[in-house]
Protein backbone atom coordinates (compact mmCIF):
# COMPACT_ATOMS: atom_id res chain seq x y z
CA MET A 1 69.32 152.30 122.01
CA THR A 2 69.29 153.44 125.63
CA ILE A 3 67.59 150.53 127.39
CA ASP A 4 69.95 148.04 129.04
CA ILE A 5 68.41 144.56 129.01
CA GLY A 6 71.39 142.92 130.68
CA PRO A 7 73.10 139.65 129.67
CA ILE A 8 70.26 137.24 130.49
CA GLY A 9 66.50 137.15 130.17
CA ILE A 10 63.52 134.88 130.63
CA TRP A 11 61.42 134.12 127.56
CA SER A 12 57.94 132.84 128.39
CA GLY A 13 55.08 131.79 126.18
CA ILE A 14 53.21 130.01 128.95
CA PHE A 15 51.61 133.05 130.56
CA ASP A 16 48.55 132.99 128.29
CA ALA A 17 47.56 129.73 130.00
CA HIS A 18 47.30 131.48 133.38
CA PRO A 19 45.26 134.35 134.85
CA THR A 20 46.86 137.76 134.83
CA ASP A 21 47.10 137.78 138.64
CA ALA A 22 49.30 134.67 138.45
CA VAL A 23 51.41 136.30 135.75
CA ARG A 24 51.98 139.34 137.95
CA VAL A 25 53.19 137.08 140.76
CA ALA A 26 55.52 135.30 138.32
CA CYS A 27 56.94 138.61 137.14
CA ARG A 28 57.72 139.63 140.69
CA GLU A 29 59.46 136.28 141.20
CA ILE A 30 61.57 136.79 138.05
CA GLU A 31 62.56 140.22 139.29
CA ALA A 32 63.39 138.96 142.79
CA LEU A 33 65.62 136.24 141.34
CA GLY A 34 67.67 138.88 139.57
CA TYR A 35 66.75 138.21 135.95
CA PRO A 36 66.80 141.67 134.36
CA THR A 37 64.46 141.10 131.40
CA LEU A 38 61.30 139.19 130.51
CA TRP A 39 60.38 138.48 126.87
CA LEU A 40 56.72 138.05 125.87
CA PRO A 41 55.54 136.68 122.49
CA GLU A 42 52.51 137.40 120.35
CA ALA A 43 50.55 134.67 118.57
CA VAL A 44 46.82 134.17 119.11
CA GLY A 45 46.55 135.06 122.80
CA ARG A 46 46.86 138.23 124.83
CA ASP A 47 47.86 141.52 123.27
CA PRO A 48 51.60 141.79 124.02
CA PHE A 49 51.51 145.50 124.83
CA VAL A 50 48.64 145.23 127.29
CA ALA A 51 50.37 142.21 128.85
CA ALA A 52 53.67 144.10 129.01
CA ALA A 53 51.98 147.02 130.75
CA ALA A 54 50.52 144.68 133.37
CA CYS A 55 53.91 143.08 133.99
CA LEU A 56 55.74 146.40 134.15
CA ALA A 57 53.20 147.83 136.57
CA ALA A 58 53.56 144.77 138.82
CA THR A 59 57.33 145.24 139.14
CA SER A 60 59.73 148.08 139.80
CA GLU A 61 62.89 147.27 137.81
CA LEU A 62 62.11 144.34 135.51
CA ARG A 63 62.48 145.19 131.83
CA LEU A 64 59.97 143.87 129.28
CA ALA A 65 60.67 143.02 125.66
CA THR A 66 58.27 141.76 123.02
CA GLY A 67 59.61 138.63 121.36
CA ILE A 68 57.95 139.38 119.04
CA ALA A 69 55.06 141.70 118.20
CA ASN A 70 53.62 140.79 114.79
CA ILE A 71 53.95 143.66 112.29
CA TYR A 72 50.88 142.42 110.40
CA ALA A 73 48.76 142.82 113.55
CA ARG A 74 48.91 146.64 113.62
CA ASP A 75 49.95 149.43 111.29
CA PRO A 76 53.29 151.25 111.77
CA MET A 77 51.75 154.29 113.47
CA THR A 78 49.96 152.09 115.98
CA MET A 79 53.17 150.15 116.63
CA VAL A 80 55.04 153.38 117.32
CA ALA A 81 52.27 154.56 119.62
CA CYS A 82 52.43 151.30 121.58
CA GLN A 83 56.21 151.48 121.84
CA ARG A 84 56.44 155.12 122.89
CA THR A 85 53.52 154.93 125.29
CA LEU A 86 55.16 152.12 127.24
CA ALA A 87 58.67 153.55 126.96
CA GLU A 88 57.47 156.87 128.41
CA ALA A 89 55.36 155.32 131.16
CA PHE A 90 58.17 152.95 132.22
CA PRO A 91 61.45 154.72 131.39
CA GLU A 92 64.25 152.47 130.15
CA ARG A 93 62.21 149.34 130.89
CA PHE A 94 60.57 148.49 127.56
CA LEU A 95 62.17 147.13 124.38
CA LEU A 96 60.13 146.64 121.23
CA GLY A 97 60.80 143.43 119.35
CA ILE A 98 58.94 143.04 116.06
CA GLY A 99 58.83 140.41 113.34
CA VAL A 100 57.05 139.07 110.29
CA SER A 101 55.74 136.00 112.12
CA HIS A 102 54.75 133.06 109.88
CA HIS A 103 52.62 132.37 106.82
CA HIS A 104 49.92 130.43 108.65
CA LEU A 105 49.53 133.09 111.35
CA VAL A 106 49.53 136.00 108.91
CA GLU A 107 47.83 134.80 105.74
CA ARG A 108 45.51 132.09 107.03
CA LEU A 109 44.45 133.67 110.32
CA ARG A 110 44.83 137.41 109.71
CA LYS A 111 44.11 137.34 105.95
CA HIS A 112 47.15 139.45 104.99
CA ASP A 113 49.45 138.93 102.03
CA TYR A 114 52.63 137.14 103.15
CA SER A 115 54.29 136.92 99.73
CA LYS A 116 57.14 139.37 100.45
CA PRO A 117 57.83 139.49 104.21
CA LEU A 118 61.31 141.02 103.93
CA SER A 119 60.11 143.89 101.73
CA TYR A 120 57.11 144.33 103.99
CA MET A 121 59.39 144.64 107.01
CA ARG A 122 61.67 147.18 105.34
CA ASN A 123 58.74 149.32 104.23
CA TYR A 124 57.18 148.97 107.68
CA LEU A 125 60.36 150.22 109.38
CA ALA A 126 60.48 153.20 107.05
CA ALA A 127 56.87 154.02 107.90
CA MET A 128 57.61 153.70 111.62
CA ASP A 129 60.42 156.22 111.22
CA GLU A 130 57.95 158.70 109.72
CA ALA A 131 54.99 157.96 112.00
CA MET A 132 53.30 160.80 113.85
CA PHE A 133 53.08 160.59 117.63
CA ALA A 134 51.45 163.66 119.19
CA ALA A 135 51.83 162.77 122.86
CA VAL A 136 54.53 163.01 125.49
CA GLY A 137 57.10 160.41 124.53
CA PRO A 138 60.16 158.85 126.14
CA ALA A 139 63.18 161.01 126.84
CA SER A 140 65.32 159.02 124.42
CA ASP A 141 64.97 156.39 121.72
CA PRO A 142 64.26 153.02 123.42
CA GLY A 143 65.34 151.09 120.34
CA ARG A 144 63.82 148.16 118.50
CA VAL A 145 64.97 144.66 117.58
CA LEU A 146 63.85 142.38 114.78
CA ALA A 147 63.10 138.68 114.77
CA ALA A 148 65.76 137.58 112.30
CA LEU A 149 67.16 134.26 111.08
CA GLY A 150 68.28 134.66 107.46
CA PRO A 151 71.13 136.88 106.24
CA LYS A 152 68.93 139.58 104.69
CA MET A 153 66.75 140.03 107.77
CA LEU A 154 69.83 139.96 110.02
CA GLU A 155 71.41 142.68 107.89
CA THR A 156 68.19 144.69 108.13
CA ALA A 157 68.21 144.23 111.91
CA ALA A 158 71.73 145.65 112.09
CA THR A 159 71.18 148.59 109.76
CA ARG A 160 67.54 149.57 110.36
CA ALA A 161 67.09 148.56 114.01
CA SER A 162 69.09 148.11 117.21
CA GLY A 163 69.72 144.45 116.55
CA ALA A 164 68.20 140.99 116.30
CA HIS A 165 66.26 138.48 118.37
CA PRO A 166 66.77 135.07 116.71
CA TYR A 167 64.44 132.33 117.95
CA PHE A 168 64.66 128.52 117.83
CA THR A 169 68.30 128.42 116.95
CA THR A 170 71.80 127.42 118.07
CA PRO A 171 75.17 128.90 119.08
CA ALA A 172 76.36 128.17 115.53
CA HIS A 173 73.63 130.47 114.24
CA THR A 174 74.61 133.07 116.82
CA ALA A 175 78.14 133.06 115.37
CA GLN A 176 76.75 133.44 111.84
CA ALA A 177 74.46 136.27 112.95
CA ARG A 178 77.29 138.14 114.64
CA SER A 179 79.41 137.82 111.50
CA ILE A 180 76.61 139.22 109.35
CA MET A 181 75.55 142.02 111.70
CA GLY A 182 78.98 143.23 112.76
CA PRO A 183 80.20 143.99 116.26
CA ASP A 184 77.84 146.75 117.34
CA ALA A 185 74.27 145.51 116.83
CA LEU A 186 72.48 143.91 119.76
CA LEU A 187 72.21 140.13 119.40
CA ALA A 188 69.71 138.45 121.73
CA PRO A 189 69.04 134.80 120.79
CA GLU A 190 66.44 132.64 122.52
CA GLN A 191 67.52 129.31 124.05
CA MET A 192 65.08 126.54 124.99
CA VAL A 193 66.06 124.54 128.08
CA VAL A 194 64.84 121.54 130.06
CA VAL A 195 66.07 121.12 133.63
CA GLU A 196 66.19 117.32 133.57
CA THR A 197 69.13 114.91 133.55
CA ASP A 198 67.37 111.77 132.29
CA PRO A 199 67.98 111.81 128.50
CA ALA A 200 64.71 110.10 127.59
CA VAL A 201 62.59 112.36 129.77
CA ALA A 202 64.43 115.51 128.75
CA ARG A 203 64.20 114.77 125.04
CA ALA A 204 60.52 113.89 125.31
CA ILE A 205 59.80 117.27 126.87
CA ALA A 206 61.99 118.98 124.29
CA ARG A 207 60.29 117.24 121.36
CA ALA A 208 56.87 118.29 122.59
CA GLY A 209 58.01 121.90 122.85
CA MET A 210 59.70 121.87 119.44
CA ALA A 211 56.96 120.22 117.39
CA VAL A 212 54.92 123.33 116.57
CA TYR A 213 58.00 125.18 115.30
CA LEU A 214 59.19 122.31 113.13
CA ARG A 215 56.07 122.75 110.99
CA ALA A 216 57.01 126.36 110.13
CA PRO A 217 58.93 126.90 106.86
CA ASN A 218 60.87 129.85 108.31
CA TYR A 219 62.45 127.64 110.96
CA GLN A 220 62.92 124.71 108.59
CA ASN A 221 64.89 126.94 106.21
CA ALA A 222 67.04 128.25 109.03
CA LEU A 223 67.79 124.72 110.23
CA ARG A 224 68.81 123.65 106.73
CA GLY A 225 71.31 126.49 106.77
CA LEU A 226 72.77 125.02 109.95
CA GLY A 227 73.33 121.58 108.40
CA PHE A 228 70.10 119.82 109.32
CA ASP A 229 67.74 118.31 106.76
CA ASP A 230 64.14 117.26 106.37
CA GLY A 231 64.91 113.87 107.85
CA ASP A 232 65.56 115.53 111.20
CA TRP A 233 61.89 116.57 111.38
CA ALA A 234 60.15 114.08 109.04
CA ASP A 235 57.73 113.69 111.93
CA PRO A 236 57.68 117.06 113.74
CA LYS A 237 56.73 115.29 116.96
CA GLN A 238 59.75 112.99 116.71
CA ALA A 239 62.69 115.23 115.90
CA SER A 240 66.06 113.52 115.67
CA ASP A 241 68.26 113.36 118.75
CA ARG A 242 70.88 115.53 117.09
CA LEU A 243 68.33 118.26 116.35
CA VAL A 244 66.79 118.07 119.82
CA ASP A 245 70.19 118.35 121.47
CA ALA A 246 71.18 121.27 119.24
CA ILE A 247 68.03 123.32 119.84
CA VAL A 248 67.26 122.47 123.47
CA ALA A 249 69.84 122.56 126.25
CA TRP A 250 68.97 119.95 128.87
CA GLY A 251 70.58 118.59 132.00
CA THR A 252 71.75 120.24 135.19
CA PRO A 253 71.66 124.01 135.66
CA GLU A 254 75.42 124.00 135.12
CA GLU A 255 75.07 122.14 131.81
CA ILE A 256 72.41 124.59 130.70
CA GLY A 257 74.63 127.46 131.79
CA ALA A 258 77.37 126.07 129.56
CA ARG A 259 75.05 126.33 126.54
CA VAL A 260 74.25 129.93 127.40
CA ASP A 261 77.98 130.58 127.61
CA GLU A 262 78.38 129.07 124.12
CA HIS A 263 76.01 131.72 122.77
CA ARG A 264 77.99 134.43 124.53
CA ALA A 265 81.28 133.08 123.16
CA ALA A 266 79.67 133.09 119.70
CA GLY A 267 78.78 136.77 119.99
CA ALA A 268 75.48 137.04 121.87
CA ASP A 269 75.01 140.12 124.05
CA HIS A 270 71.92 138.73 125.77
CA VAL A 271 70.45 135.22 125.91
CA CYS A 272 66.71 134.68 126.46
CA VAL A 273 66.13 131.40 128.31
CA GLN A 274 62.84 129.59 127.74
CA VAL A 275 62.13 126.75 130.18
CA LEU A 276 60.14 123.85 128.75
CA ARG A 277 58.11 121.57 131.01
CA ALA A 278 55.96 118.49 130.55
CA ASP A 279 52.95 120.45 131.80
CA ALA A 280 51.64 124.00 131.43
CA ASP A 281 52.69 125.21 134.88
CA ILE A 282 54.69 128.42 135.19
CA PRO A 283 58.29 127.18 135.62
CA VAL A 284 59.09 129.03 138.82
CA THR A 285 60.99 126.06 140.26
CA GLU A 286 63.28 125.92 137.22
CA TRP A 287 63.85 129.69 137.26
CA ARG A 288 64.97 129.33 140.85
CA GLN A 289 67.26 126.41 140.04
CA LEU A 290 68.87 128.26 137.14
CA ALA A 291 69.27 131.66 138.78
CA PRO A 292 72.51 130.88 140.70
CA VAL A 293 74.15 129.82 137.41
CA LEU A 294 72.63 132.29 134.95
CA VAL A 295 72.31 135.49 136.96
CA LYS A 296 75.79 136.91 137.30
C-alpha cells in the first residue's frame, strides 16, 4: 500500500445530516487543523464514493478513507472501478475500506443472502483481484483495508488486504488484532470520544451514540470476546458503566489523548477518532479542542 494515512484520523458519520456545502467546509477545517485523514461510512445515506470525491475536491492534502463501503452494495468490478477512479484522480489520497456490514442492513434492506459473510468477503476479494478496469488507473496500488473484528476476518485482512479497520472496540481488542495479524499489516481502529468531564453527561451522550451498535450481533459477539456479557447491554440504550467507559473515551482532551495512546501502545498504526455529541451538529469545536493533543 502506498497511501500514507498518518497516525490519526477523524471518523464522521454525521455528515449525512448536513448539506454537502457544509461538509466541504468541515473537510477544509479538518485539513487546516492538521488531521491527515477523514473516514466516511456507508449505511443508508450518501454514496461513500461520491461523498469522498466531493471532500477530496474541496481540499488539497486531506486523505479520504471509506469506513466502510458495503461489499453487498456493489459488485467487485464496480468496487474496483470506484477505488481506482478516485485513486487516480487524487493520487495517494484515497484508501478503500470495505466490509460485510450487518445482517439487518444487508438481508433486510438490500435483500441479499447474509448467511456466509466471511466466505462472501474472501470470494469478493478474489473477484476484485481479477476485475477488469479499462481506464487510466493510479500509478501504484492504493491498498485496501477490511472492517474486521473476529480472528478469521482479521487474518483475512492481513493476508488478502493491507490491513484492518476495527470499529466499536477497545485497546484490548487492538492488542488481540495485532497479535493475529502480525507486525506488518495496517491496523486502524476507530475510537469514540466525548469531550465532557461530567461523568453523567458524558455517559449519557456515549450511551445514545452506542445504542444502535449494541443491537448488532457482530458487535455483541466481539464484545463477548472482550469479557463483556449480555447484561452489559440488556437495554441497548442503558449500557453498563463499564462498557460505556471501555468503548467511549470521555473527559478532557488530554484524557482522550491517553486512550488514543493506549491503542498505539497496543499496536495500532492509526486511530480514527469519532466525536459524539448530544446533538447532530458537526463537531468542529471538539476537533479544535482535540487537535493540540492528537495531531503530533
